[in-house]
């Protein structure tokens, strides 16, 4: 396939399909019987090793093909960590419901403790990708992971502060206690800022992709990032509108057990609050 002059609409569509398919695949795996989780996690570890090798192989490839490969590798790494979280293998040292009567700051600290191992693993992966591509021609693997990381932090903090639709009914039994750390509210004061900043990020990436000086590599990279940023904006709005998330993945939600929605996770500490991005 000749990507010397990539069709940016096709690139954006492909990124959207990758988000939808990867999210649904994780939901389907989590929806299986718990005895299958260890095999799913083993597959995730192997896939991560392959993805890291792809990142290393493409870090000097400032081409459209190199951008697509690095982008896909970042999604695989992210998905593997999400699977480890949703299957209950990498969560946090506390696995109990939120104590009653906590003030906001105490609930925040308690919320972080229940997912701290997951957050540390995400941060370690982010730093690893940075170390692998630092000063390289193709840094898209890190850029993509950083975008998802930042956007996810924004989502989690909004869930902590209070939103109306966290899809908590999709949490698998092994981590169902997490829903006790959520707060239900029509909206919170942070949400308008989060949605606005994320939208501005989309515009910035679109301008980079369509600029007159954009090369095939920069145009493809910016389009991929713009698409995932736009999906993050949609995911943010899904927190405050009554939208049935399972409708997006009917083939995944039909699996045995209860799949977990990718946005359903408690908050991160304030010092990690920068968001990018599930996908």
C-alpha atoms as a PDB file:
ATOM      1  CA  UNK A   1       0.000   0.000   0.000  1.00  0.00           C
ATOM      2  CA  UNK A   2       1.391   3.345  -1.003  1.00  0.00           C
ATOM      3  CA  UNK A   3       1.091   5.807   1.838  1.00  0.00           C
ATOM      4  CA  UNK A   4       3.342   8.465   0.370  1.00  0.00           C
ATOM      5  CA  UNK A   5       0.231  10.657   0.124  1.00  0.00           C
ATOM      6  CA  UNK A   6      -2.116   9.195   2.763  1.00  0.00           C
ATOM      7  CA  UNK A   7      -5.844   9.755   2.649  1.00  0.00           C
ATOM      8  CA  UNK A   8      -6.373  11.318   6.048  1.00  0.00           C
ATOM      9  CA  UNK A   9     -10.043  10.349   6.148  1.00  0.00           C
ATOM     10  CA  UNK A  10      -9.060   6.706   5.680  1.00  0.00           C
ATOM     11  CA  UNK A  11      -6.436   7.047   8.405  1.00  0.00           C
ATOM     12  CA  UNK A  12      -8.999   8.563  10.779  1.00  0.00           C
ATOM     13  CA  UNK A  13     -11.519   5.844   9.981  1.00  0.00           C
ATOM     14  CA  UNK A  14      -8.905   3.159  10.577  1.00  0.00           C
ATOM     15  CA  UNK A  15      -7.991   4.671  13.949  1.00  0.00           C
ATOM     16  CA  UNK A  16     -11.664   4.724  14.950  1.00  0.00           C
ATOM     17  CA  UNK A  17     -12.080   1.081  13.983  1.00  0.00           C
ATOM     18  CA  UNK A  18      -8.928   0.225  15.954  1.00  0.00           C
ATOM     19  CA  UNK A  19     -10.373   1.939  19.038  1.00  0.00           C
ATOM     20  CA  UNK A  20     -13.723   0.211  18.666  1.00  0.00           C
ATOM     21  CA  UNK A  21     -12.297  -3.239  17.936  1.00  0.00           C
ATOM     22  CA  UNK A  22      -9.614  -3.171  20.634  1.00  0.00           C
ATOM     23  CA  UNK A  23     -12.055  -1.955  23.276  1.00  0.00           C
ATOM     24  CA  UNK A  24     -14.607  -4.578  22.313  1.00  0.00           C
ATOM     25  CA  UNK A  25     -11.960  -7.302  22.298  1.00  0.00           C
ATOM     26  CA  UNK A  26     -10.932  -6.426  25.848  1.00  0.00           C
ATOM     27  CA  UNK A  27     -14.577  -6.339  26.958  1.00  0.00           C
ATOM     28  CA  UNK A  28     -15.123  -9.759  25.408  1.00  0.00           C
ATOM     29  CA  UNK A  29     -12.108 -11.246  27.174  1.00  0.00           C
ATOM     30  CA  UNK A  30     -13.146  -9.766  30.517  1.00  0.00           C
ATOM     31  CA  UNK A  31     -16.661 -11.118  29.975  1.00  0.00           C
ATOM     32  CA  UNK A  32     -15.393 -14.697  29.830  1.00  0.00           C
ATOM     33  CA  UNK A  33     -15.203 -17.066  32.794  1.00  0.00           C
ATOM     34  CA  UNK A  34     -12.512 -16.102  35.305  1.00  0.00           C
ATOM     35  CA  UNK A  35     -10.605 -19.340  34.663  1.00  0.00           C
ATOM     36  CA  UNK A  36      -9.692 -17.943  31.229  1.00  0.00           C
ATOM     37  CA  UNK A  37      -8.140 -14.773  32.632  1.00  0.00           C
ATOM     38  CA  UNK A  38      -4.673 -16.214  33.123  1.00  0.00           C
ATOM     39  CA  UNK A  39      -4.511 -17.218  29.468  1.00  0.00           C
ATOM     40  CA  UNK A  40      -5.747 -13.809  28.383  1.00  0.00           C
ATOM     41  CA  UNK A  41      -3.083 -12.178  30.520  1.00  0.00           C
ATOM     42  CA  UNK A  42      -0.391 -14.458  29.081  1.00  0.00           C
ATOM     43  CA  UNK A  43      -1.479 -13.407  25.597  1.00  0.00           C
ATOM     44  CA  UNK A  44      -1.318  -9.784  26.695  1.00  0.00           C
ATOM     45  CA  UNK A  45       2.255 -10.200  27.936  1.00  0.00           C
ATOM     46  CA  UNK A  46       3.353 -11.794  24.674  1.00  0.00           C
ATOM     47  CA  UNK A  47       1.559  -9.111  22.649  1.00  0.00           C
ATOM     48  CA  UNK A  48       3.260  -6.398  24.694  1.00  0.00           C
ATOM     49  CA  UNK A  49       6.685  -7.888  23.990  1.00  0.00           C
ATOM     50  CA  UNK A  50       5.901  -7.884  20.268  1.00  0.00           C
ATOM     51  CA  UNK A  51       4.612  -4.316  20.456  1.00  0.00           C
ATOM     52  CA  UNK A  52       7.770  -3.114  22.191  1.00  0.00           C
ATOM     53  CA  UNK A  53       9.870  -4.716  19.465  1.00  0.00           C
ATOM     54  CA  UNK A  54       7.758  -2.868  16.873  1.00  0.00           C
ATOM     55  CA  UNK A  55       8.358   0.426  18.689  1.00  0.00           C
ATOM     56  CA  UNK A  56      12.102  -0.186  18.622  1.00  0.00           C
ATOM     57  CA  UNK A  57      12.028  -1.192  14.957  1.00  0.00           C
ATOM     58  CA  UNK A  58      10.071   1.881  13.843  1.00  0.00           C
ATOM     59  CA  UNK A  59      11.601   4.623  15.987  1.00  0.00           C
ATOM     60  CA  UNK A  60      13.744   5.738  13.054  1.00  0.00           C
ATOM     61  CA  UNK A  61      10.983   5.326  10.459  1.00  0.00           C
ATOM     62  CA  UNK A  62       9.560   8.800   9.860  1.00  0.00           C
ATOM     63  CA  UNK A  63       7.115   7.499   7.276  1.00  0.00           C
ATOM     64  CA  UNK A  64       3.365   7.019   7.168  1.00  0.00           C
ATOM     65  CA  UNK A  65       3.868   3.275   7.518  1.00  0.00           C
ATOM     66  CA  UNK A  66       6.133   3.819  10.518  1.00  0.00           C
ATOM     67  CA  UNK A  67       3.512   6.056  12.115  1.00  0.00           C
ATOM     68  CA  UNK A  68       0.797   3.432  11.689  1.00  0.00           C
ATOM     69  CA  UNK A  69       2.986   0.688  13.140  1.00  0.00           C
ATOM     70  CA  UNK A  70       4.026   2.770  16.154  1.00  0.00           C
ATOM     71  CA  UNK A  71       0.419   3.799  16.762  1.00  0.00           C
ATOM     72  CA  UNK A  72      -0.740   0.180  16.696  1.00  0.00           C
ATOM     73  CA  UNK A  73       2.037  -0.836  19.073  1.00  0.00           C
ATOM     74  CA  UNK A  74       0.996   1.812  21.593  1.00  0.00           C
ATOM     75  CA  UNK A  75      -2.597   0.575  21.488  1.00  0.00           C
ATOM     76  CA  UNK A  76      -1.430  -2.978  22.181  1.00  0.00           C
ATOM     77  CA  UNK A  77       0.626  -1.896  25.199  1.00  0.00           C
ATOM     78  CA  UNK A  78      -2.243   0.174  26.547  1.00  0.00           C
ATOM     79  CA  UNK A  79      -4.748  -2.621  25.978  1.00  0.00           C
ATOM     80  CA  UNK A  80      -2.578  -5.173  27.762  1.00  0.00           C
ATOM     81  CA  UNK A  81      -2.416  -2.990  30.862  1.00  0.00           C
ATOM     82  CA  UNK A  82      -6.153  -2.351  30.757  1.00  0.00           C
ATOM     83  CA  UNK A  83      -6.762  -6.097  30.537  1.00  0.00           C
ATOM     84  CA  UNK A  84      -4.523  -6.712  33.547  1.00  0.00           C
ATOM     85  CA  UNK A  85      -6.573  -4.124  35.436  1.00  0.00           C
ATOM     86  CA  UNK A  86     -10.037  -5.286  34.437  1.00  0.00           C
ATOM     87  CA  UNK A  87      -9.250  -8.935  35.157  1.00  0.00           C
ATOM     88  CA  UNK A  88      -8.137  -7.953  38.645  1.00  0.00           C
ATOM     89  CA  UNK A  89      -4.475  -8.917  38.351  1.00  0.00           C
ATOM     90  CA  UNK A  90      -3.014  -5.401  38.567  1.00  0.00           C
ATOM     91  CA  UNK A  91      -5.266  -3.137  40.603  1.00  0.00           C
ATOM     92  CA  UNK A  92      -4.082  -1.977  44.029  1.00  0.00           C
ATOM     93  CA  UNK A  93      -3.202  -3.200  47.529  1.00  0.00           C
ATOM     94  CA  UNK A  94      -6.698  -2.452  48.870  1.00  0.00           C
ATOM     95  CA  UNK A  95      -9.547  -4.607  47.593  1.00  0.00           C
ATOM     96  CA  UNK A  96     -12.403  -3.453  49.775  1.00  0.00           C
ATOM     97  CA  UNK A  97     -15.380  -1.121  49.345  1.00  0.00           C
ATOM     98  CA  UNK A  98     -14.899   2.544  50.143  1.00  0.00           C
ATOM     99  CA  UNK A  99     -15.321   3.253  53.883  1.00  0.00           C
ATOM    100  CA  UNK A 100     -18.329   5.378  54.696  1.00  0.00           C
ATOM    101  CA  UNK A 101     -18.148   8.872  56.110  1.00  0.00           C
ATOM    102  CA  UNK A 102     -14.944   9.974  54.351  1.00  0.00           C
ATOM    103  CA  UNK A 103     -14.429  13.599  53.390  1.00  0.00           C
ATOM    104  CA  UNK A 104     -13.379  14.433  49.844  1.00  0.00           C
ATOM    105  CA  UNK A 105      -9.626  14.296  50.410  1.00  0.00           C
ATOM    106  CA  UNK A 106      -9.812  11.061  52.412  1.00  0.00           C
ATOM    107  CA  UNK A 107     -11.963   9.478  49.714  1.00  0.00           C
ATOM    108  CA  UNK A 108      -9.462  10.636  47.108  1.00  0.00           C
ATOM    109  CA  UNK A 109      -6.580   8.964  48.922  1.00  0.00           C
ATOM    110  CA  UNK A 110      -8.620   5.814  49.430  1.00  0.00           C
ATOM    111  CA  UNK A 111      -9.554   5.817  45.733  1.00  0.00           C
ATOM    112  CA  UNK A 112      -5.926   5.994  44.700  1.00  0.00           C
ATOM    113  CA  UNK A 113      -4.914   3.149  46.999  1.00  0.00           C
ATOM    114  CA  UNK A 114      -7.364   0.756  45.395  1.00  0.00           C
ATOM    115  CA  UNK A 115      -5.861   1.298  41.910  1.00  0.00           C
ATOM    116  CA  UNK A 116      -2.297   2.402  42.703  1.00  0.00           C
ATOM    117  CA  UNK A 117      -0.575  -0.656  41.198  1.00  0.00           C
ATOM    118  CA  UNK A 118      -2.393  -0.074  37.922  1.00  0.00           C
ATOM    119  CA  UNK A 119      -1.432   3.586  37.891  1.00  0.00           C
ATOM    120  CA  UNK A 120       2.204   2.804  38.606  1.00  0.00           C
ATOM    121  CA  UNK A 121       2.237   0.286  35.757  1.00  0.00           C
ATOM    122  CA  UNK A 122       0.788   2.850  33.348  1.00  0.00           C
ATOM    123  CA  UNK A 123       3.404   5.375  34.419  1.00  0.00           C
ATOM    124  CA  UNK A 124       6.183   2.807  34.030  1.00  0.00           C
ATOM    125  CA  UNK A 125       4.994   1.985  30.514  1.00  0.00           C
ATOM    126  CA  UNK A 126       4.865   5.675  29.655  1.00  0.00           C
ATOM    127  CA  UNK A 127       8.437   6.172  30.839  1.00  0.00           C
ATOM    128  CA  UNK A 128       9.603   3.053  29.028  1.00  0.00           C
ATOM    129  CA  UNK A 129       8.166   4.253  25.732  1.00  0.00           C
ATOM    130  CA  UNK A 130       9.725   7.657  26.265  1.00  0.00           C
ATOM    131  CA  UNK A 131      13.099   6.079  26.867  1.00  0.00           C
ATOM    132  CA  UNK A 132      12.798   3.925  23.750  1.00  0.00           C
ATOM    133  CA  UNK A 133      11.946   6.747  21.329  1.00  0.00           C
ATOM    134  CA  UNK A 134      13.616   9.740  22.946  1.00  0.00           C
ATOM    135  CA  UNK A 135      15.472  11.794  20.325  1.00  0.00           C
ATOM    136  CA  UNK A 136      14.171   9.448  17.606  1.00  0.00           C
ATOM    137  CA  UNK A 137      12.528  10.459  14.342  1.00  0.00           C
ATOM    138  CA  UNK A 138       9.331   8.562  15.159  1.00  0.00           C
ATOM    139  CA  UNK A 139       8.000   9.221  18.663  1.00  0.00           C
ATOM    140  CA  UNK A 140       4.382   8.396  17.889  1.00  0.00           C
ATOM    141  CA  UNK A 141       4.240   5.338  20.159  1.00  0.00           C
ATOM    142  CA  UNK A 142       5.031   7.543  23.138  1.00  0.00           C
ATOM    143  CA  UNK A 143       2.823  10.380  21.882  1.00  0.00           C
ATOM    144  CA  UNK A 144      -0.160   8.045  21.485  1.00  0.00           C
ATOM    145  CA  UNK A 145       0.285   6.425  24.886  1.00  0.00           C
ATOM    146  CA  UNK A 146       0.753   9.825  26.526  1.00  0.00           C
ATOM    147  CA  UNK A 147      -2.431  11.107  24.908  1.00  0.00           C
ATOM    148  CA  UNK A 148      -4.439   8.136  26.162  1.00  0.00           C
ATOM    149  CA  UNK A 149      -2.865   8.429  29.609  1.00  0.00           C
ATOM    150  CA  UNK A 150      -3.737  12.092  29.980  1.00  0.00           C
ATOM    151  CA  UNK A 151      -7.262  11.735  28.661  1.00  0.00           C
ATOM    152  CA  UNK A 152      -7.886   8.747  30.893  1.00  0.00           C
ATOM    153  CA  UNK A 153      -6.704  10.692  33.931  1.00  0.00           C
ATOM    154  CA  UNK A 154      -9.191  13.394  33.025  1.00  0.00           C
ATOM    155  CA  UNK A 155     -11.957  10.815  32.775  1.00  0.00           C
ATOM    156  CA  UNK A 156     -11.093   9.267  36.130  1.00  0.00           C
ATOM    157  CA  UNK A 157     -10.957  12.585  37.917  1.00  0.00           C
ATOM    158  CA  UNK A 158     -14.347  13.542  36.492  1.00  0.00           C
ATOM    159  CA  UNK A 159     -15.760  10.222  37.704  1.00  0.00           C
ATOM    160  CA  UNK A 160     -14.340  10.911  41.152  1.00  0.00           C
ATOM    161  CA  UNK A 161     -15.851  14.397  41.277  1.00  0.00           C
ATOM    162  CA  UNK A 162     -19.182  13.152  40.014  1.00  0.00           C
ATOM    163  CA  UNK A 163     -20.874  12.346  36.706  1.00  0.00           C
ATOM    164  CA  UNK A 164     -24.212  10.793  35.868  1.00  0.00           C
ATOM    165  CA  UNK A 165     -23.143   7.885  33.655  1.00  0.00           C
ATOM    166  CA  UNK A 166     -20.148   5.795  34.753  1.00  0.00           C
ATOM    167  CA  UNK A 167     -21.509   2.449  33.479  1.00  0.00           C
ATOM    168  CA  UNK A 168     -20.635   0.861  36.796  1.00  0.00           C
ATOM    169  CA  UNK A 169     -22.945  -2.070  36.075  1.00  0.00           C
ATOM    170  CA  UNK A 170     -20.319  -3.410  33.681  1.00  0.00           C
ATOM    171  CA  UNK A 171     -17.570  -3.853  36.242  1.00  0.00           C
ATOM    172  CA  UNK A 172     -16.604  -7.536  36.495  1.00  0.00           C
ATOM    173  CA  UNK A 173     -17.218  -9.253  39.824  1.00  0.00           C
ATOM    174  CA  UNK A 174     -13.528  -9.322  40.781  1.00  0.00           C
ATOM    175  CA  UNK A 175     -13.332  -5.533  40.960  1.00  0.00           C
ATOM    176  CA  UNK A 176     -16.962  -4.654  41.585  1.00  0.00           C
ATOM    177  CA  UNK A 177     -15.927  -2.968  44.840  1.00  0.00           C
ATOM    178  CA  UNK A 178     -14.517  -0.084  42.804  1.00  0.00           C
ATOM    179  CA  UNK A 179     -17.973   1.286  42.123  1.00  0.00           C
ATOM    180  CA  UNK A 180     -18.267   2.277  45.779  1.00  0.00           C
ATOM    181  CA  UNK A 181     -15.581   4.904  45.141  1.00  0.00           C
ATOM    182  CA  UNK A 182     -17.566   6.614  42.371  1.00  0.00           C
ATOM    183  CA  UNK A 183     -19.763   9.636  42.874  1.00  0.00           C
ATOM    184  CA  UNK A 184     -23.009  10.178  41.001  1.00  0.00           C
ATOM    185  CA  UNK A 185     -23.864  13.750  40.007  1.00  0.00           C
ATOM    186  CA  UNK A 186     -25.332  15.458  36.918  1.00  0.00           C
ATOM    187  CA  UNK A 187     -21.946  17.103  36.262  1.00  0.00           C
ATOM    188  CA  UNK A 188     -19.004  18.588  38.112  1.00  0.00           C
ATOM    189  CA  UNK A 189     -17.100  21.869  37.829  1.00  0.00           C
ATOM    190  CA  UNK A 190     -14.120  20.233  36.132  1.00  0.00           C
ATOM    191  CA  UNK A 191     -16.086  18.663  33.290  1.00  0.00           C
ATOM    192  CA  UNK A 192     -16.576  21.785  31.102  1.00  0.00           C
ATOM    193  CA  UNK A 193     -12.848  22.544  31.349  1.00  0.00           C
ATOM    194  CA  UNK A 194     -11.889  18.948  30.536  1.00  0.00           C
ATOM    195  CA  UNK A 195     -14.173  18.790  27.508  1.00  0.00           C
ATOM    196  CA  UNK A 196     -13.041  22.197  26.247  1.00  0.00           C
ATOM    197  CA  UNK A 197      -9.324  21.493  26.580  1.00  0.00           C
ATOM    198  CA  UNK A 198      -9.728  18.110  24.888  1.00  0.00           C
ATOM    199  CA  UNK A 199     -11.584  19.754  22.018  1.00  0.00           C
ATOM    200  CA  UNK A 200      -8.811  22.331  21.618  1.00  0.00           C
ATOM    201  CA  UNK A 201      -6.307  19.469  21.452  1.00  0.00           C
ATOM    202  CA  UNK A 202      -8.319  17.927  18.616  1.00  0.00           C
ATOM    203  CA  UNK A 203      -8.241  21.221  16.701  1.00  0.00           C
ATOM    204  CA  UNK A 204      -4.482  21.569  17.178  1.00  0.00           C
ATOM    205  CA  UNK A 205      -3.833  18.089  15.808  1.00  0.00           C
ATOM    206  CA  UNK A 206      -6.187  18.659  12.857  1.00  0.00           C
ATOM    207  CA  UNK A 207      -4.336  21.856  11.966  1.00  0.00           C
ATOM    208  CA  UNK A 208      -1.029  19.995  12.130  1.00  0.00           C
ATOM    209  CA  UNK A 209      -2.374  17.220   9.899  1.00  0.00           C
ATOM    210  CA  UNK A 210      -3.753  19.573   7.251  1.00  0.00           C
ATOM    211  CA  UNK A 211      -1.030  22.212   7.318  1.00  0.00           C
ATOM    212  CA  UNK A 212       0.708  23.057   4.071  1.00  0.00           C
ATOM    213  CA  UNK A 213       4.070  21.926   5.378  1.00  0.00           C
ATOM    214  CA  UNK A 214       2.894  18.550   6.683  1.00  0.00           C
ATOM    215  CA  UNK A 215       4.822  15.543   5.444  1.00  0.00           C
ATOM    216  CA  UNK A 216       3.134  12.138   5.004  1.00  0.00           C
ATOM    217  CA  UNK A 217       4.567  11.153   8.383  1.00  0.00           C
ATOM    218  CA  UNK A 218       3.451  14.259  10.279  1.00  0.00           C
ATOM    219  CA  UNK A 219       0.050  14.288   8.555  1.00  0.00           C
ATOM    220  CA  UNK A 220      -0.576  10.632   9.408  1.00  0.00           C
ATOM    221  CA  UNK A 221       0.684  11.003  12.976  1.00  0.00           C
ATOM    222  CA  UNK A 222      -1.393  14.118  13.657  1.00  0.00           C
ATOM    223  CA  UNK A 223      -4.490  12.526  12.125  1.00  0.00           C
ATOM    224  CA  UNK A 224      -4.152   9.471  14.348  1.00  0.00           C
ATOM    225  CA  UNK A 225      -3.733  11.643  17.434  1.00  0.00           C
ATOM    226  CA  UNK A 226      -6.594  13.929  16.413  1.00  0.00           C
ATOM    227  CA  UNK A 227      -8.886  10.929  15.997  1.00  0.00           C
ATOM    228  CA  UNK A 228      -8.085   9.489  19.404  1.00  0.00           C
ATOM    229  CA  UNK A 229      -8.417  12.919  21.009  1.00  0.00           C
ATOM    230  CA  UNK A 230     -11.827  13.290  19.360  1.00  0.00           C
ATOM    231  CA  UNK A 231     -12.843   9.868  20.659  1.00  0.00           C
ATOM    232  CA  UNK A 232     -11.746  10.975  24.122  1.00  0.00           C
ATOM    233  CA  UNK A 233     -14.010  14.025  23.820  1.00  0.00           C
ATOM    234  CA  UNK A 234     -16.900  11.710  22.952  1.00  0.00           C
ATOM    235  CA  UNK A 235     -16.058   9.459  25.891  1.00  0.00           C
ATOM    236  CA  UNK A 236     -16.106  12.477  28.185  1.00  0.00           C
ATOM    237  CA  UNK A 237     -19.565  13.467  26.992  1.00  0.00           C
ATOM    238  CA  UNK A 238     -20.749   9.898  27.459  1.00  0.00           C
ATOM    239  CA  UNK A 239     -20.124  10.435  31.172  1.00  0.00           C
ATOM    240  CA  UNK A 240     -22.889  13.019  31.399  1.00  0.00           C
ATOM    241  CA  UNK A 241     -25.458  11.838  28.867  1.00  0.00           C
ATOM    242  CA  UNK A 242     -27.684   8.760  29.231  1.00  0.00           C
ATOM    243  CA  UNK A 243     -26.051   6.634  26.564  1.00  0.00           C
ATOM    244  CA  UNK A 244     -25.950   2.801  26.865  1.00  0.00           C
ATOM    245  CA  UNK A 245     -22.285   2.025  26.260  1.00  0.00           C
ATOM    246  CA  UNK A 246     -22.984  -1.657  25.639  1.00  0.00           C
ATOM    247  CA  UNK A 247     -24.779  -0.675  22.439  1.00  0.00           C
ATOM    248  CA  UNK A 248     -21.387   0.057  20.876  1.00  0.00           C
ATOM    249  CA  UNK A 249     -20.153  -3.492  21.434  1.00  0.00           C
ATOM    250  CA  UNK A 250     -23.143  -5.869  21.314  1.00  0.00           C
ATOM    251  CA  UNK A 251     -20.889  -8.720  20.199  1.00  0.00           C
ATOM    252  CA  UNK A 252     -18.653  -8.175  23.234  1.00  0.00           C
ATOM    253  CA  UNK A 253     -21.327  -7.563  25.856  1.00  0.00           C
ATOM    254  CA  UNK A 254     -22.920 -10.841  24.906  1.00  0.00           C
ATOM    255  CA  UNK A 255     -19.960 -12.771  26.322  1.00  0.00           C
ATOM    256  CA  UNK A 256     -20.322 -14.852  29.448  1.00  0.00           C
ATOM    257  CA  UNK A 257     -20.150 -12.706  32.568  1.00  0.00           C
ATOM    258  CA  UNK A 258     -20.314  -8.947  32.857  1.00  0.00           C
ATOM    259  CA  UNK A 259     -17.829  -6.938  30.831  1.00  0.00           C
ATOM    260  CA  UNK A 260     -16.360  -3.776  32.263  1.00  0.00           C
ATOM    261  CA  UNK A 261     -16.699  -0.405  30.605  1.00  0.00           C
ATOM    262  CA  UNK A 262     -13.346   1.142  29.860  1.00  0.00           C
ATOM    263  CA  UNK A 263     -14.173   4.427  31.541  1.00  0.00           C
ATOM    264  CA  UNK A 264     -15.222   2.807  34.805  1.00  0.00           C
ATOM    265  CA  UNK A 265     -12.220   3.398  37.015  1.00  0.00           C
ATOM    266  CA  UNK A 266     -11.531   5.523  40.070  1.00  0.00           C
ATOM    267  CA  UNK A 267      -9.401   8.652  40.103  1.00  0.00           C
ATOM    268  CA  UNK A 268      -5.726   9.280  39.967  1.00  0.00           C
ATOM    269  CA  UNK A 269      -3.692  11.507  42.261  1.00  0.00           C
ATOM    270  CA  UNK A 270      -3.704  15.216  41.398  1.00  0.00           C
ATOM    271  CA  UNK A 271      -0.029  15.322  40.517  1.00  0.00           C
ATOM    272  CA  UNK A 272      -0.740  12.983  37.594  1.00  0.00           C
ATOM    273  CA  UNK A 273      -3.434  15.212  36.201  1.00  0.00           C
ATOM    274  CA  UNK A 274      -2.263  16.034  32.698  1.00  0.00           C
ATOM    275  CA  UNK A 275      -4.297  14.096  30.054  1.00  0.00           C
ATOM    276  CA  UNK A 276      -3.384  13.145  26.673  1.00  0.00           C
ATOM    277  CA  UNK A 277      -5.433   9.282  25.664  1.00  0.00           C
ATOM    278  CA  UNK A 278     -10.136   3.246  24.619  1.00  0.00           C
ATOM    279  CA  UNK A 279     -10.006   2.443  24.267  1.00  0.00           C
END
